[in-house]
Amino acid sequence: MRDAAFREYFERHHDSMSRLAYLMTGEAEIADDLAADALTEVWRHWDRVTAADDPGAYGHGILMNLARNWVRRRSRERLLTLEPLRRALDPDVSAVLDVRGALRRLPHRRRACVVLRYSLDLSEKEVAQILGISVGAVKSATSRGARQLAELLGGSTVALARIDGWEAAR
């Protein structure tokens, strides 16, 4: 019974968890690893997950914590090595690259709120559950994050339209 229920959970949430991890980290390989790690934690704590009001939100919350820890670890590694990060860019459109770069510059909570609201199309209440914050905090962080993102992208309506196309980044 548990195996079948988890398999259903996995099939229902794996793609959104992987996409969310990608938008939070900007790294496709890391995103898949974080999604797998989050699903492993869901399995380990299955009783807690199924007892939650929204098991999907519980799993996304686990993923957000793992992504935040990965970003922090990566930042520390960059500071310690003081070497420029070498990374081959995917052959992407410039707009997608602009949005990716701008997202990386947002503080974690703002980035999380903007990504969850606009990329995964979650309600403010769902975002609040995932992040463990109030709906008011979600509204504030989303508003400030979207405004900051628009400013980073040039502040024009063209820049704002680019935000809508960021899902193509995955």
C-alpha atoms as a PDB file:
ATOM      1  CA  MET A   1       0.000   0.000   0.000  1.00  0.00           C
ATOM      2  CA  ARG A   2       2.773   2.439   1.008  1.00  0.00           C
ATOM      3  CA  ASP A   3       4.777   1.614  -2.122  1.00  0.00           C
ATOM      4  CA  ALA A   4       1.833   2.290  -4.422  1.00  0.00           C
ATOM      5  CA  ALA A   5       0.937   5.520  -2.641  1.00  0.00           C
ATOM      6  CA  PHE A   6       4.520   6.754  -2.829  1.00  0.00           C
ATOM      7  CA  ARG A   7       4.781   5.774  -6.504  1.00  0.00           C
ATOM      8  CA  GLU A   8       1.661   7.877  -7.185  1.00  0.00           C
ATOM      9  CA  TYR A   9       3.138  10.778  -5.176  1.00  0.00           C
ATOM     10  CA  PHE A  10       6.409  10.474  -7.111  1.00  0.00           C
ATOM     11  CA  GLU A  11       4.684  10.489 -10.495  1.00  0.00           C
ATOM     12  CA  ARG A  12       2.528  13.442  -9.521  1.00  0.00           C
ATOM     13  CA  HIS A  13       5.252  15.664  -8.031  1.00  0.00           C
ATOM     14  CA  HIS A  14       8.630  14.698  -9.507  1.00  0.00           C
ATOM     15  CA  ASP A  15       8.449  17.019 -12.530  1.00  0.00           C
ATOM     16  CA  SER A  16       7.374  20.071 -10.546  1.00  0.00           C
ATOM     17  CA  MET A  17      10.022  19.395  -7.895  1.00  0.00           C
ATOM     18  CA  SER A  18      12.732  19.071 -10.509  1.00  0.00           C
ATOM     19  CA  ARG A  19      11.584  22.251 -12.294  1.00  0.00           C
ATOM     20  CA  LEU A  20      11.441  24.147  -9.003  1.00  0.00           C
ATOM     21  CA  ALA A  21      14.942  22.991  -8.056  1.00  0.00           C
ATOM     22  CA  TYR A  22      16.217  24.079 -11.463  1.00  0.00           C
ATOM     23  CA  LEU A  23      14.704  27.525 -11.129  1.00  0.00           C
ATOM     24  CA  MET A  24      16.177  27.897  -7.640  1.00  0.00           C
ATOM     25  CA  THR A  25      19.684  26.700  -8.559  1.00  0.00           C
ATOM     26  CA  GLY A  26      20.020  27.282 -12.302  1.00  0.00           C
ATOM     27  CA  GLU A  27      21.727  23.892 -12.628  1.00  0.00           C
ATOM     28  CA  ALA A  28      19.890  21.068 -14.417  1.00  0.00           C
ATOM     29  CA  GLU A  29      22.059  18.266 -13.008  1.00  0.00           C
ATOM     30  CA  ILE A  30      21.796  19.627  -9.482  1.00  0.00           C
ATOM     31  CA  ALA A  31      18.039  20.056  -9.879  1.00  0.00           C
ATOM     32  CA  ASP A  32      17.559  16.380 -10.641  1.00  0.00           C
ATOM     33  CA  ASP A  33      19.740  15.432  -7.669  1.00  0.00           C
ATOM     34  CA  LEU A  34      17.848  17.775  -5.325  1.00  0.00           C
ATOM     35  CA  ALA A  35      14.498  16.441  -6.528  1.00  0.00           C
ATOM     36  CA  ALA A  36      15.702  12.885  -5.907  1.00  0.00           C
ATOM     37  CA  ASP A  37      17.011  13.848  -2.463  1.00  0.00           C
ATOM     38  CA  ALA A  38      13.712  15.538  -1.606  1.00  0.00           C
ATOM     39  CA  LEU A  39      11.742  12.493  -2.712  1.00  0.00           C
ATOM     40  CA  THR A  40      14.033  10.295  -0.634  1.00  0.00           C
ATOM     41  CA  GLU A  41      13.207  12.450   2.385  1.00  0.00           C
ATOM     42  CA  VAL A  42       9.512  12.225   1.523  1.00  0.00           C
ATOM     43  CA  TRP A  43       9.844   8.432   1.536  1.00  0.00           C
ATOM     44  CA  ARG A  44      11.767   8.435   4.845  1.00  0.00           C
ATOM     45  CA  HIS A  45       9.113  10.628   6.484  1.00  0.00           C
ATOM     46  CA  TRP A  46       6.115   9.215   4.648  1.00  0.00           C
ATOM     47  CA  ASP A  47       3.911   9.200   7.756  1.00  0.00           C
ATOM     48  CA  ARG A  48       4.509  12.930   8.300  1.00  0.00           C
ATOM     49  CA  VAL A  49       3.956  13.686   4.618  1.00  0.00           C
ATOM     50  CA  THR A  50       0.640  11.862   4.430  1.00  0.00           C
ATOM     51  CA  ALA A  51      -0.491  13.448   7.713  1.00  0.00           C
ATOM     52  CA  ALA A  52       0.182  16.955   6.353  1.00  0.00           C
ATOM     53  CA  ASP A  53      -2.695  19.113   5.152  1.00  0.00           C
ATOM     54  CA  ASP A  54      -1.055  19.256   1.731  1.00  0.00           C
ATOM     55  CA  PRO A  55       1.439  16.437   1.097  1.00  0.00           C
ATOM     56  CA  GLY A  56       2.603  18.095  -2.146  1.00  0.00           C
ATOM     57  CA  ALA A  57       3.411  21.309  -0.316  1.00  0.00           C
ATOM     58  CA  TYR A  58       5.271  19.312   2.337  1.00  0.00           C
ATOM     59  CA  GLY A  59       7.494  17.759  -0.339  1.00  0.00           C
ATOM     60  CA  HIS A  60       8.063  21.102  -2.061  1.00  0.00           C
ATOM     61  CA  GLY A  61       9.040  22.543   1.319  1.00  0.00           C
ATOM     62  CA  ILE A  62      11.654  19.819   1.734  1.00  0.00           C
ATOM     63  CA  LEU A  63      12.960  20.637  -1.726  1.00  0.00           C
ATOM     64  CA  MET A  64      13.142  24.373  -0.968  1.00  0.00           C
ATOM     65  CA  ASN A  65      15.205  23.669   2.158  1.00  0.00           C
ATOM     66  CA  LEU A  66      17.573  21.433   0.199  1.00  0.00           C
ATOM     67  CA  ALA A  67      17.912  24.074  -2.548  1.00  0.00           C
ATOM     68  CA  ARG A  68      18.605  26.819  -0.007  1.00  0.00           C
ATOM     69  CA  ASN A  69      21.303  24.676   1.611  1.00  0.00           C
ATOM     70  CA  TRP A  70      22.846  23.915  -1.782  1.00  0.00           C
ATOM     71  CA  VAL A  71      22.938  27.620  -2.708  1.00  0.00           C
ATOM     72  CA  ARG A  72      24.549  28.489   0.642  1.00  0.00           C
ATOM     73  CA  ARG A  73      27.135  25.722   0.277  1.00  0.00           C
ATOM     74  CA  ARG A  74      27.914  26.832  -3.258  1.00  0.00           C
ATOM     75  CA  SER A  75      28.340  30.442  -2.140  1.00  0.00           C
ATOM     76  CA  ARG A  76      30.771  29.378   0.580  1.00  0.00           C
ATOM     77  CA  GLU A  77      32.729  27.281  -1.909  1.00  0.00           C
ATOM     78  CA  ARG A  78      33.050  30.247  -4.262  1.00  0.00           C
ATOM     79  CA  LEU A  79      34.278  32.465  -1.453  1.00  0.00           C
ATOM     80  CA  LEU A  80      36.825  29.885  -0.334  1.00  0.00           C
ATOM     81  CA  THR A  81      38.291  29.174  -3.747  1.00  0.00           C
ATOM     82  CA  LEU A  82      38.203  32.742  -5.074  1.00  0.00           C
ATOM     83  CA  GLU A  83      38.401  31.270  -8.560  1.00  0.00           C
ATOM     84  CA  PRO A  84      35.942  32.339 -11.215  1.00  0.00           C
ATOM     85  CA  LEU A  85      33.263  29.781 -11.812  1.00  0.00           C
ATOM     86  CA  ARG A  86      33.762  28.226 -15.227  1.00  0.00           C
ATOM     87  CA  ARG A  87      30.591  27.101 -16.809  1.00  0.00           C
ATOM     88  CA  ALA A  88      29.634  26.371 -20.364  1.00  0.00           C
ATOM     89  CA  LEU A  89      26.452  28.150 -21.291  1.00  0.00           C
ATOM     90  CA  ASP A  90      23.677  26.217 -22.901  1.00  0.00           C
ATOM     91  CA  PRO A  91      22.783  27.448 -26.375  1.00  0.00           C
ATOM     92  CA  ASP A  92      19.819  29.388 -24.937  1.00  0.00           C
ATOM     93  CA  VAL A  93      18.005  32.475 -26.031  1.00  0.00           C
ATOM     94  CA  SER A  94      19.329  35.683 -24.513  1.00  0.00           C
ATOM     95  CA  ALA A  95      16.033  36.420 -22.762  1.00  0.00           C
ATOM     96  CA  VAL A  96      16.166  33.132 -20.881  1.00  0.00           C
ATOM     97  CA  LEU A  97      19.763  33.799 -19.875  1.00  0.00           C
ATOM     98  CA  ASP A  98      18.796  37.271 -18.693  1.00  0.00           C
ATOM     99  CA  VAL A  99      15.994  35.892 -16.539  1.00  0.00           C
ATOM    100  CA  ARG A 100      18.230  33.151 -15.117  1.00  0.00           C
ATOM    101  CA  GLY A 101      20.882  35.677 -14.162  1.00  0.00           C
ATOM    102  CA  ALA A 102      18.338  38.045 -12.659  1.00  0.00           C
ATOM    103  CA  LEU A 103      16.730  35.234 -10.637  1.00  0.00           C
ATOM    104  CA  ARG A 104      20.104  34.323  -9.146  1.00  0.00           C
ATOM    105  CA  ARG A 105      20.468  37.894  -7.900  1.00  0.00           C
ATOM    106  CA  LEU A 106      17.220  37.844  -5.918  1.00  0.00           C
ATOM    107  CA  PRO A 107      17.379  37.032  -2.205  1.00  0.00           C
ATOM    108  CA  HIS A 108      16.318  33.447  -1.513  1.00  0.00           C
ATOM    109  CA  ARG A 109      12.829  34.151  -0.130  1.00  0.00           C
ATOM    110  CA  ARG A 110      11.931  36.556  -2.943  1.00  0.00           C
ATOM    111  CA  ARG A 111      13.246  34.136  -5.558  1.00  0.00           C
ATOM    112  CA  ALA A 112      11.335  31.272  -3.967  1.00  0.00           C
ATOM    113  CA  CYS A 113       8.076  33.242  -3.882  1.00  0.00           C
ATOM    114  CA  VAL A 114       8.413  34.506  -7.456  1.00  0.00           C
ATOM    115  CA  VAL A 115       9.335  31.061  -8.800  1.00  0.00           C
ATOM    116  CA  LEU A 116       6.578  29.250  -6.915  1.00  0.00           C
ATOM    117  CA  ARG A 117       3.910  31.815  -7.823  1.00  0.00           C
ATOM    118  CA  TYR A 118       4.761  32.448 -11.476  1.00  0.00           C
ATOM    119  CA  SER A 119       6.516  29.311 -12.661  1.00  0.00           C
ATOM    120  CA  LEU A 120       4.547  26.674 -10.778  1.00  0.00           C
ATOM    121  CA  ASP A 121       1.396  28.846 -10.735  1.00  0.00           C
ATOM    122  CA  LEU A 122       0.751  28.131  -7.062  1.00  0.00           C
ATOM    123  CA  SER A 123      -1.603  30.211  -4.955  1.00  0.00           C
ATOM    124  CA  GLU A 124      -0.281  32.512  -2.241  1.00  0.00           C
ATOM    125  CA  LYS A 125      -1.666  30.101   0.346  1.00  0.00           C
ATOM    126  CA  GLU A 126       0.166  27.142  -1.223  1.00  0.00           C
ATOM    127  CA  VAL A 127       3.428  29.109  -1.361  1.00  0.00           C
ATOM    128  CA  ALA A 128       2.984  30.081   2.296  1.00  0.00           C
ATOM    129  CA  GLN A 129       2.537  26.411   3.236  1.00  0.00           C
ATOM    130  CA  ILE A 130       5.605  25.316   1.278  1.00  0.00           C
ATOM    131  CA  LEU A 131       7.853  28.020   2.713  1.00  0.00           C
ATOM    132  CA  GLY A 132       6.356  27.995   6.199  1.00  0.00           C
ATOM    133  CA  ILE A 133       5.574  31.725   6.165  1.00  0.00           C
ATOM    134  CA  SER A 134       2.402  33.808   6.281  1.00  0.00           C
ATOM    135  CA  VAL A 135       0.323  34.663   3.218  1.00  0.00           C
ATOM    136  CA  GLY A 136       1.158  38.336   3.847  1.00  0.00           C
ATOM    137  CA  ALA A 137       4.875  37.548   3.730  1.00  0.00           C
ATOM    138  CA  VAL A 138       4.329  35.711   0.442  1.00  0.00           C
ATOM    139  CA  LYS A 139       2.473  38.708  -1.027  1.00  0.00           C
ATOM    140  CA  SER A 140       5.205  41.094   0.074  1.00  0.00           C
ATOM    141  CA  ALA A 141       8.119  38.938  -1.065  1.00  0.00           C
ATOM    142  CA  THR A 142       6.453  38.147  -4.392  1.00  0.00           C
ATOM    143  CA  SER A 143       5.691  41.791  -5.078  1.00  0.00           C
ATOM    144  CA  ARG A 144       9.176  42.950  -4.144  1.00  0.00           C
ATOM    145  CA  GLY A 145      10.792  40.058  -5.979  1.00  0.00           C
ATOM    146  CA  ALA A 146       8.834  40.683  -9.194  1.00  0.00           C
ATOM    147  CA  ARG A 147       9.645  44.404  -8.999  1.00  0.00           C
ATOM    148  CA  GLN A 148      13.337  43.695  -8.377  1.00  0.00           C
ATOM    149  CA  LEU A 149      13.382  41.138 -11.180  1.00  0.00           C
ATOM    150  CA  ALA A 150      11.817  43.662 -13.567  1.00  0.00           C
ATOM    151  CA  GLU A 151      14.414  46.260 -12.551  1.00  0.00           C
ATOM    152  CA  LEU A 152      17.226  43.773 -13.109  1.00  0.00           C
ATOM    153  CA  LEU A 153      15.791  43.046 -16.540  1.00  0.00           C
ATOM    154  CA  GLY A 154      15.643  46.703 -17.483  1.00  0.00           C
ATOM    155  CA  GLY A 155      12.361  47.776 -15.885  1.00  0.00           C
ATOM    156  CA  SER A 156      10.440  47.933 -19.135  1.00  0.00           C
ATOM    157  CA  THR A 157       7.293  46.110 -20.161  1.00  0.00           C
ATOM    158  CA  VAL A 158       9.500  44.090 -22.484  1.00  0.00           C
ATOM    159  CA  ALA A 159      11.508  43.001 -19.458  1.00  0.00           C
ATOM    160  CA  LEU A 160       8.337  42.100 -17.615  1.00  0.00           C
ATOM    161  CA  ALA A 161       7.193  40.042 -20.599  1.00  0.00           C
ATOM    162  CA  ARG A 162      10.488  38.123 -20.389  1.00  0.00           C
ATOM    163  CA  ILE A 163       9.511  36.945 -16.921  1.00  0.00           C
ATOM    164  CA  ASP A 164       6.511  35.152 -18.423  1.00  0.00           C
ATOM    165  CA  GLY A 165       8.816  33.228 -20.749  1.00  0.00           C
ATOM    166  CA  TRP A 166      11.202  31.871 -18.128  1.00  0.00           C
ATOM    167  CA  GLU A 167       9.571  28.461 -18.063  1.00  0.00           C
ATOM    168  CA  ALA A 168      11.241  27.879 -21.413  1.00  0.00           C
ATOM    169  CA  ALA A 169      14.494  27.815 -19.434  1.00  0.00           C
ATOM    170  CA  ARG A 170      13.776  24.253 -18.391  1.00  0.00           C
END
